Structures are given as C-alpha cells and as structure tokens.
Amino acid sequence: MYRWDFAPIWANSDLLLAGLGNTLVLTAVALAGGLPVGLALALARLSGSRLLAAPAGLVIEVFRTTPPLVQLFWFYFGLPIILKVEMTPYLAAALTFTIQSGAFFAEIFRAGIVSVDKGQSEAARAIGMSKAQTMRRIILPQAVKRMFPAMMERSIELMKTTTLVATVSYADLLYQANELAQKTFRPLEVFTAAALLYFLIITLVSMLGARVERRMAQSGEMAR
C-alpha cells in the first residue's frame, strides 16, 4: 500500500509558490500584450486593404493552427540563429504566448466587431464621426461586452498552456514541481499539490469572470 506523505511538500512549499508566481507573471504579460496585438490584427483583417488583411490573416492562421510547443521551440532555438540575438526562456515564452494569444483574440475581436449592427456605424458617420472615432466610441464598447465570456475562456486556456514553458527550463509551477519531485522522491504528492494550485487559481478567475458577467447582465449591458 502506498503511503501518502505531504510533509516534504509543505517543507518546500516556497518552491511551488515561486513557480506559481512565475506562471501568473507570464500569463499576465501574455494577456497584456496579446489583447492589443489581437485588436490590431482584427482591425487589419477588417480594414478592406489586402496589404493589411493578408499579412494579418497569415499571422492569425499560423499561430492558431500550429502547436504552441512548436512555436515555443522555434522562438527559443530558431530565432537566436536567424537574428543573432540572445533568447532567454522567459523572453521566448513571453513572445510565443503574446503572439499566440493575439491570434486567438483577433478572431474574438473580429467576431465581436462584425456582430454590431452596421446601422450604428452609418449613424455615427452621418453625425460626423471618423472611422477611428466610430470604432473607439461606438463599436468597440459594445463588442467588448459581447466578447467578454470568450475572452475569459481564452485567458484560462492561456494559463494552462503556459505549462509548456517547463520544456525550455523556465521556472514556472510545473517546472518547480518537477524539480521538487526529483528532490523529494514524492512525485504523486508534488503533482497533486501543483494540480490543486492550478485548480484554485483557475476557479477563482472563473468565479470572478462569472460575477462580472452577472453584473453586466443585471445592468442590461450584456448583449443577449
């Protein structure tokens, strides 16, 4: 019979918490960069200009259809060879997940923008608003409210996808868990603790997102 012993994990809990902190930092950086990248790609794809739409569509399709692990390896091992630059695990991971998130957010933005009635754009233009003003003041505020559930889901998926960075030795939660498992010879206890940490964080984020959704619905702002 296997005897569970979490004492070594509690004694080294600082390693897991440090890894969790690195995971949250990487996720936050990828989100902070991915949202504006996604918006820029979506606007380029909807611009009507082939010079903008074609490259934006290529970036979106490449990063949505290729495995994130392949993308990570390419940035970490390939980019330094091509550009002759030094690439750290953190920088490679941040670039990979920022652009990948941007590709997914671009499709979410695009769907939200085209879901807004075109009549509102025409009305805004009729009263003298420019395209930029119409997008910023009329279209995007409505689109973002409609996109919120999909954005929350994508953000949660991003946090889970960041576990891949352990393969390039970035000290995230999974990497630290693996190191601790080798140190304590208690892999079941270590990875159980890591799974619980992921569960708690993602559950809290989901609850927060659901609460925001409910408030928007109660105020009549959420599109039905």
Protein backbone atom coordinates (compact mmCIF):
# COMPACT_ATOMS: atom_id res chain seq x y z
CA MET A 1 0.00 0.00 0.00
CA TYR A 2 1.27 3.43 -0.95
CA ARG A 3 1.61 5.81 1.99
CA TRP A 4 0.95 9.43 1.15
CA ASP A 5 3.30 11.91 2.77
CA PHE A 6 2.89 15.62 2.09
CA ALA A 7 5.39 16.71 4.74
CA PRO A 8 8.27 17.19 2.25
CA ILE A 9 5.99 19.24 0.02
CA TRP A 10 4.96 21.55 2.87
CA ALA A 11 8.61 21.92 3.82
CA ASN A 12 9.44 23.06 0.28
CA SER A 13 6.22 24.92 -0.48
CA ASP A 14 8.18 28.09 -1.21
CA LEU A 15 9.43 26.50 -4.44
CA LEU A 16 5.91 25.78 -5.66
CA LEU A 17 4.70 29.25 -4.70
CA ALA A 18 7.64 30.81 -6.54
CA GLY A 19 6.73 28.75 -9.60
CA LEU A 20 3.10 29.82 -9.29
CA GLY A 21 4.21 33.45 -9.16
CA ASN A 22 6.23 32.99 -12.37
CA THR A 23 3.23 31.35 -14.04
CA LEU A 24 0.97 34.26 -13.10
CA VAL A 25 3.53 36.82 -14.29
CA LEU A 26 3.92 35.09 -17.65
CA THR A 27 0.15 34.80 -18.06
CA ALA A 28 -0.35 38.48 -17.21
CA VAL A 29 2.38 39.57 -19.65
CA ALA A 30 0.92 37.43 -22.45
CA LEU A 31 -2.55 38.85 -21.80
CA ALA A 32 -1.33 42.43 -21.61
CA GLY A 33 0.48 42.02 -24.92
CA GLY A 34 -1.98 39.67 -26.59
CA LEU A 35 -5.03 41.92 -26.28
CA PRO A 36 -3.60 44.90 -28.22
CA VAL A 37 -1.93 42.56 -30.71
CA GLY A 38 -5.25 40.81 -31.24
CA LEU A 39 -7.10 44.10 -31.70
CA ALA A 40 -4.52 45.32 -34.22
CA LEU A 41 -4.72 42.05 -36.18
CA ALA A 42 -8.52 42.11 -36.16
CA LEU A 43 -8.68 45.71 -37.38
CA ALA A 44 -6.12 44.95 -40.08
CA ARG A 45 -8.13 41.93 -41.24
CA LEU A 46 -11.32 44.00 -41.35
CA SER A 47 -9.69 47.02 -42.98
CA GLY A 48 -10.57 46.02 -46.52
CA SER A 49 -6.97 46.56 -47.61
CA ARG A 50 -5.18 43.47 -48.94
CA LEU A 51 -1.84 44.92 -47.87
CA LEU A 52 -3.05 44.80 -44.26
CA ALA A 53 -5.54 41.94 -44.31
CA ALA A 54 -3.33 39.34 -45.98
CA PRO A 55 -0.36 39.55 -43.55
CA ALA A 56 -2.72 39.76 -40.57
CA GLY A 57 -4.63 36.71 -41.77
CA LEU A 58 -1.39 34.80 -42.26
CA VAL A 59 -0.20 35.54 -38.73
CA ILE A 60 -3.56 34.57 -37.27
CA GLU A 61 -3.78 31.29 -39.15
CA VAL A 62 -0.17 30.27 -38.48
CA PHE A 63 -0.39 30.84 -34.73
CA ARG A 64 -3.86 29.34 -34.42
CA THR A 65 -3.12 26.17 -36.37
CA THR A 66 0.41 25.22 -35.27
CA PRO A 67 1.14 23.58 -31.89
CA PRO A 68 2.20 26.07 -29.21
CA LEU A 69 5.11 23.83 -28.22
CA VAL A 70 6.50 24.06 -31.77
CA GLN A 71 6.11 27.83 -31.65
CA LEU A 72 7.93 27.98 -28.32
CA PHE A 73 10.81 25.87 -29.60
CA TRP A 74 11.05 27.99 -32.73
CA PHE A 75 11.33 31.24 -30.74
CA TYR A 76 13.76 29.74 -28.24
CA PHE A 77 16.04 27.82 -30.61
CA GLY A 78 15.36 29.26 -34.08
CA LEU A 79 15.10 33.00 -33.54
CA PRO A 80 18.59 33.35 -31.99
CA ILE A 81 20.08 31.63 -35.06
CA ILE A 82 18.21 33.81 -37.54
CA LEU A 83 18.51 37.18 -35.78
CA LYS A 84 21.74 36.54 -33.85
CA VAL A 85 20.14 37.59 -30.58
CA GLU A 86 20.25 36.11 -27.11
CA MET A 87 16.99 34.46 -26.13
CA THR A 88 16.14 33.65 -22.51
CA PRO A 89 13.41 31.13 -21.59
CA TYR A 90 11.24 33.95 -20.24
CA LEU A 91 11.58 36.12 -23.35
CA ALA A 92 10.88 33.19 -25.67
CA ALA A 93 7.81 32.24 -23.65
CA ALA A 94 6.54 35.82 -23.46
CA LEU A 95 6.89 36.32 -27.22
CA THR A 96 5.30 32.98 -28.04
CA PHE A 97 2.25 33.33 -25.85
CA THR A 98 1.77 37.02 -26.58
CA ILE A 99 1.56 36.43 -30.33
CA GLN A 100 -0.38 33.19 -29.99
CA SER A 101 -2.88 34.86 -27.67
CA GLY A 102 -3.07 37.78 -30.06
CA ALA A 103 -4.02 35.41 -32.90
CA PHE A 104 -6.87 33.91 -30.88
CA PHE A 105 -8.01 37.26 -29.51
CA ALA A 106 -8.01 38.63 -33.07
CA GLU A 107 -10.75 36.21 -34.06
CA ILE A 108 -12.69 37.03 -30.90
CA PHE A 109 -12.40 40.76 -31.63
CA ARG A 110 -13.36 40.23 -35.26
CA ALA A 111 -16.46 38.25 -34.34
CA GLY A 112 -17.47 40.85 -31.77
CA ILE A 113 -16.98 43.78 -34.15
CA VAL A 114 -18.95 42.28 -37.02
CA SER A 115 -21.75 41.35 -34.62
CA VAL A 116 -22.54 45.05 -34.02
CA ASP A 117 -25.29 46.34 -36.29
CA LYS A 118 -23.81 48.21 -39.27
CA GLY A 119 -26.53 50.80 -38.90
CA GLN A 120 -24.77 52.16 -35.84
CA SER A 121 -21.61 52.78 -37.84
CA GLU A 122 -23.60 54.51 -40.55
CA ALA A 123 -25.36 56.69 -37.97
CA ALA A 124 -22.05 57.65 -36.36
CA ARG A 125 -20.58 58.58 -39.72
CA ALA A 126 -23.70 60.61 -40.52
CA ILE A 127 -23.14 62.86 -37.49
CA GLY A 128 -19.53 63.49 -38.49
CA MET A 129 -17.53 60.83 -36.62
CA SER A 130 -14.43 59.47 -38.31
CA LYS A 131 -13.87 55.71 -38.70
CA ALA A 132 -11.46 55.73 -35.76
CA GLN A 133 -13.89 57.62 -33.55
CA THR A 134 -16.75 55.32 -34.53
CA MET A 135 -14.70 52.24 -33.73
CA ARG A 136 -13.44 53.63 -30.41
CA ARG A 137 -16.69 55.19 -29.12
CA ILE A 138 -19.46 53.11 -30.67
CA ILE A 139 -18.33 49.70 -31.93
CA LEU A 140 -15.64 48.52 -29.52
CA PRO A 141 -17.52 49.26 -26.26
CA GLN A 142 -20.40 47.07 -27.44
CA ALA A 143 -18.15 44.42 -28.97
CA VAL A 144 -16.04 44.02 -25.83
CA LYS A 145 -19.12 43.33 -23.71
CA ARG A 146 -20.18 40.61 -26.13
CA MET A 147 -16.69 39.16 -26.27
CA PHE A 148 -16.11 39.03 -22.54
CA PRO A 149 -17.10 35.35 -21.99
CA ALA A 150 -14.87 34.18 -24.85
CA MET A 151 -12.01 36.32 -23.59
CA MET A 152 -12.30 34.83 -20.12
CA GLU A 153 -12.25 31.31 -21.54
CA ARG A 154 -9.21 32.10 -23.67
CA SER A 155 -7.39 33.61 -20.69
CA ILE A 156 -7.94 30.42 -18.69
CA GLU A 157 -6.69 28.32 -21.60
CA LEU A 158 -3.61 30.54 -21.78
CA MET A 159 -2.73 29.86 -18.14
CA LYS A 160 -2.95 26.12 -18.74
CA THR A 161 -0.91 26.37 -21.94
CA THR A 162 1.95 28.11 -20.11
CA THR A 163 2.86 24.74 -18.57
CA LEU A 164 4.78 24.13 -21.81
CA VAL A 165 7.48 26.59 -20.74
CA ALA A 166 8.91 23.94 -18.42
CA THR A 167 10.38 22.35 -21.56
CA VAL A 168 12.73 25.34 -22.01
CA SER A 169 13.61 25.48 -18.30
CA TYR A 170 11.51 28.48 -17.33
CA ALA A 171 10.79 28.11 -13.62
CA ASP A 172 7.01 28.05 -13.74
CA LEU A 173 4.84 25.96 -11.43
CA LEU A 174 5.20 22.76 -13.45
CA TYR A 175 8.98 23.13 -13.73
CA GLN A 176 9.32 23.72 -10.00
CA ALA A 177 7.03 20.77 -9.30
CA ASN A 178 9.22 18.51 -11.42
CA GLU A 179 12.34 19.74 -9.63
CA LEU A 180 10.72 19.16 -6.25
CA ALA A 181 9.53 15.69 -7.25
CA GLN A 182 13.10 14.69 -8.09
CA LYS A 183 14.36 16.20 -4.87
CA THR A 184 11.81 14.59 -2.53
CA PHE A 185 11.06 11.37 -4.47
CA ARG A 186 7.37 12.14 -3.92
CA PRO A 187 6.00 12.80 -7.42
CA LEU A 188 2.39 11.90 -6.61
CA GLU A 189 2.22 14.34 -3.70
CA VAL A 190 4.09 17.08 -5.58
CA PHE A 191 1.97 16.98 -8.73
CA THR A 192 -1.20 16.66 -6.68
CA ALA A 193 -0.24 19.86 -4.88
CA ALA A 194 0.56 21.56 -8.21
CA ALA A 195 -2.78 20.47 -9.65
CA LEU A 196 -4.59 21.87 -6.63
CA LEU A 197 -2.84 25.21 -7.04
CA TYR A 198 -3.87 25.40 -10.70
CA PHE A 199 -7.40 24.39 -9.73
CA LEU A 200 -7.67 27.08 -7.06
CA ILE A 201 -6.33 29.90 -9.24
CA ILE A 202 -8.40 28.99 -12.29
CA THR A 203 -11.53 28.51 -10.17
CA LEU A 204 -11.07 31.95 -8.62
CA VAL A 205 -10.60 33.53 -12.05
CA SER A 206 -13.70 31.73 -13.36
CA MET A 207 -15.77 32.88 -10.39
CA LEU A 208 -14.59 36.46 -10.85
CA GLY A 209 -15.45 36.33 -14.55
CA ALA A 210 -18.90 34.89 -13.82
CA ARG A 211 -19.53 37.65 -11.29
CA VAL A 212 -18.62 40.32 -13.82
CA GLU A 213 -20.91 38.67 -16.39
CA ARG A 214 -23.81 38.66 -13.93
CA ARG A 215 -23.33 42.33 -13.11
CA MET A 216 -23.28 43.23 -16.80
CA ALA A 217 -26.42 41.18 -17.38
CA GLN A 218 -28.21 42.75 -14.39
CA SER A 219 -27.37 46.24 -15.62
CA GLY A 220 -28.67 45.40 -19.08
CA GLU A 221 -25.28 45.85 -20.67
CA MET A 222 -24.58 42.26 -21.68
CA ALA A 223 -25.73 41.51 -25.20
CA ARG A 224 -28.39 38.80 -25.27
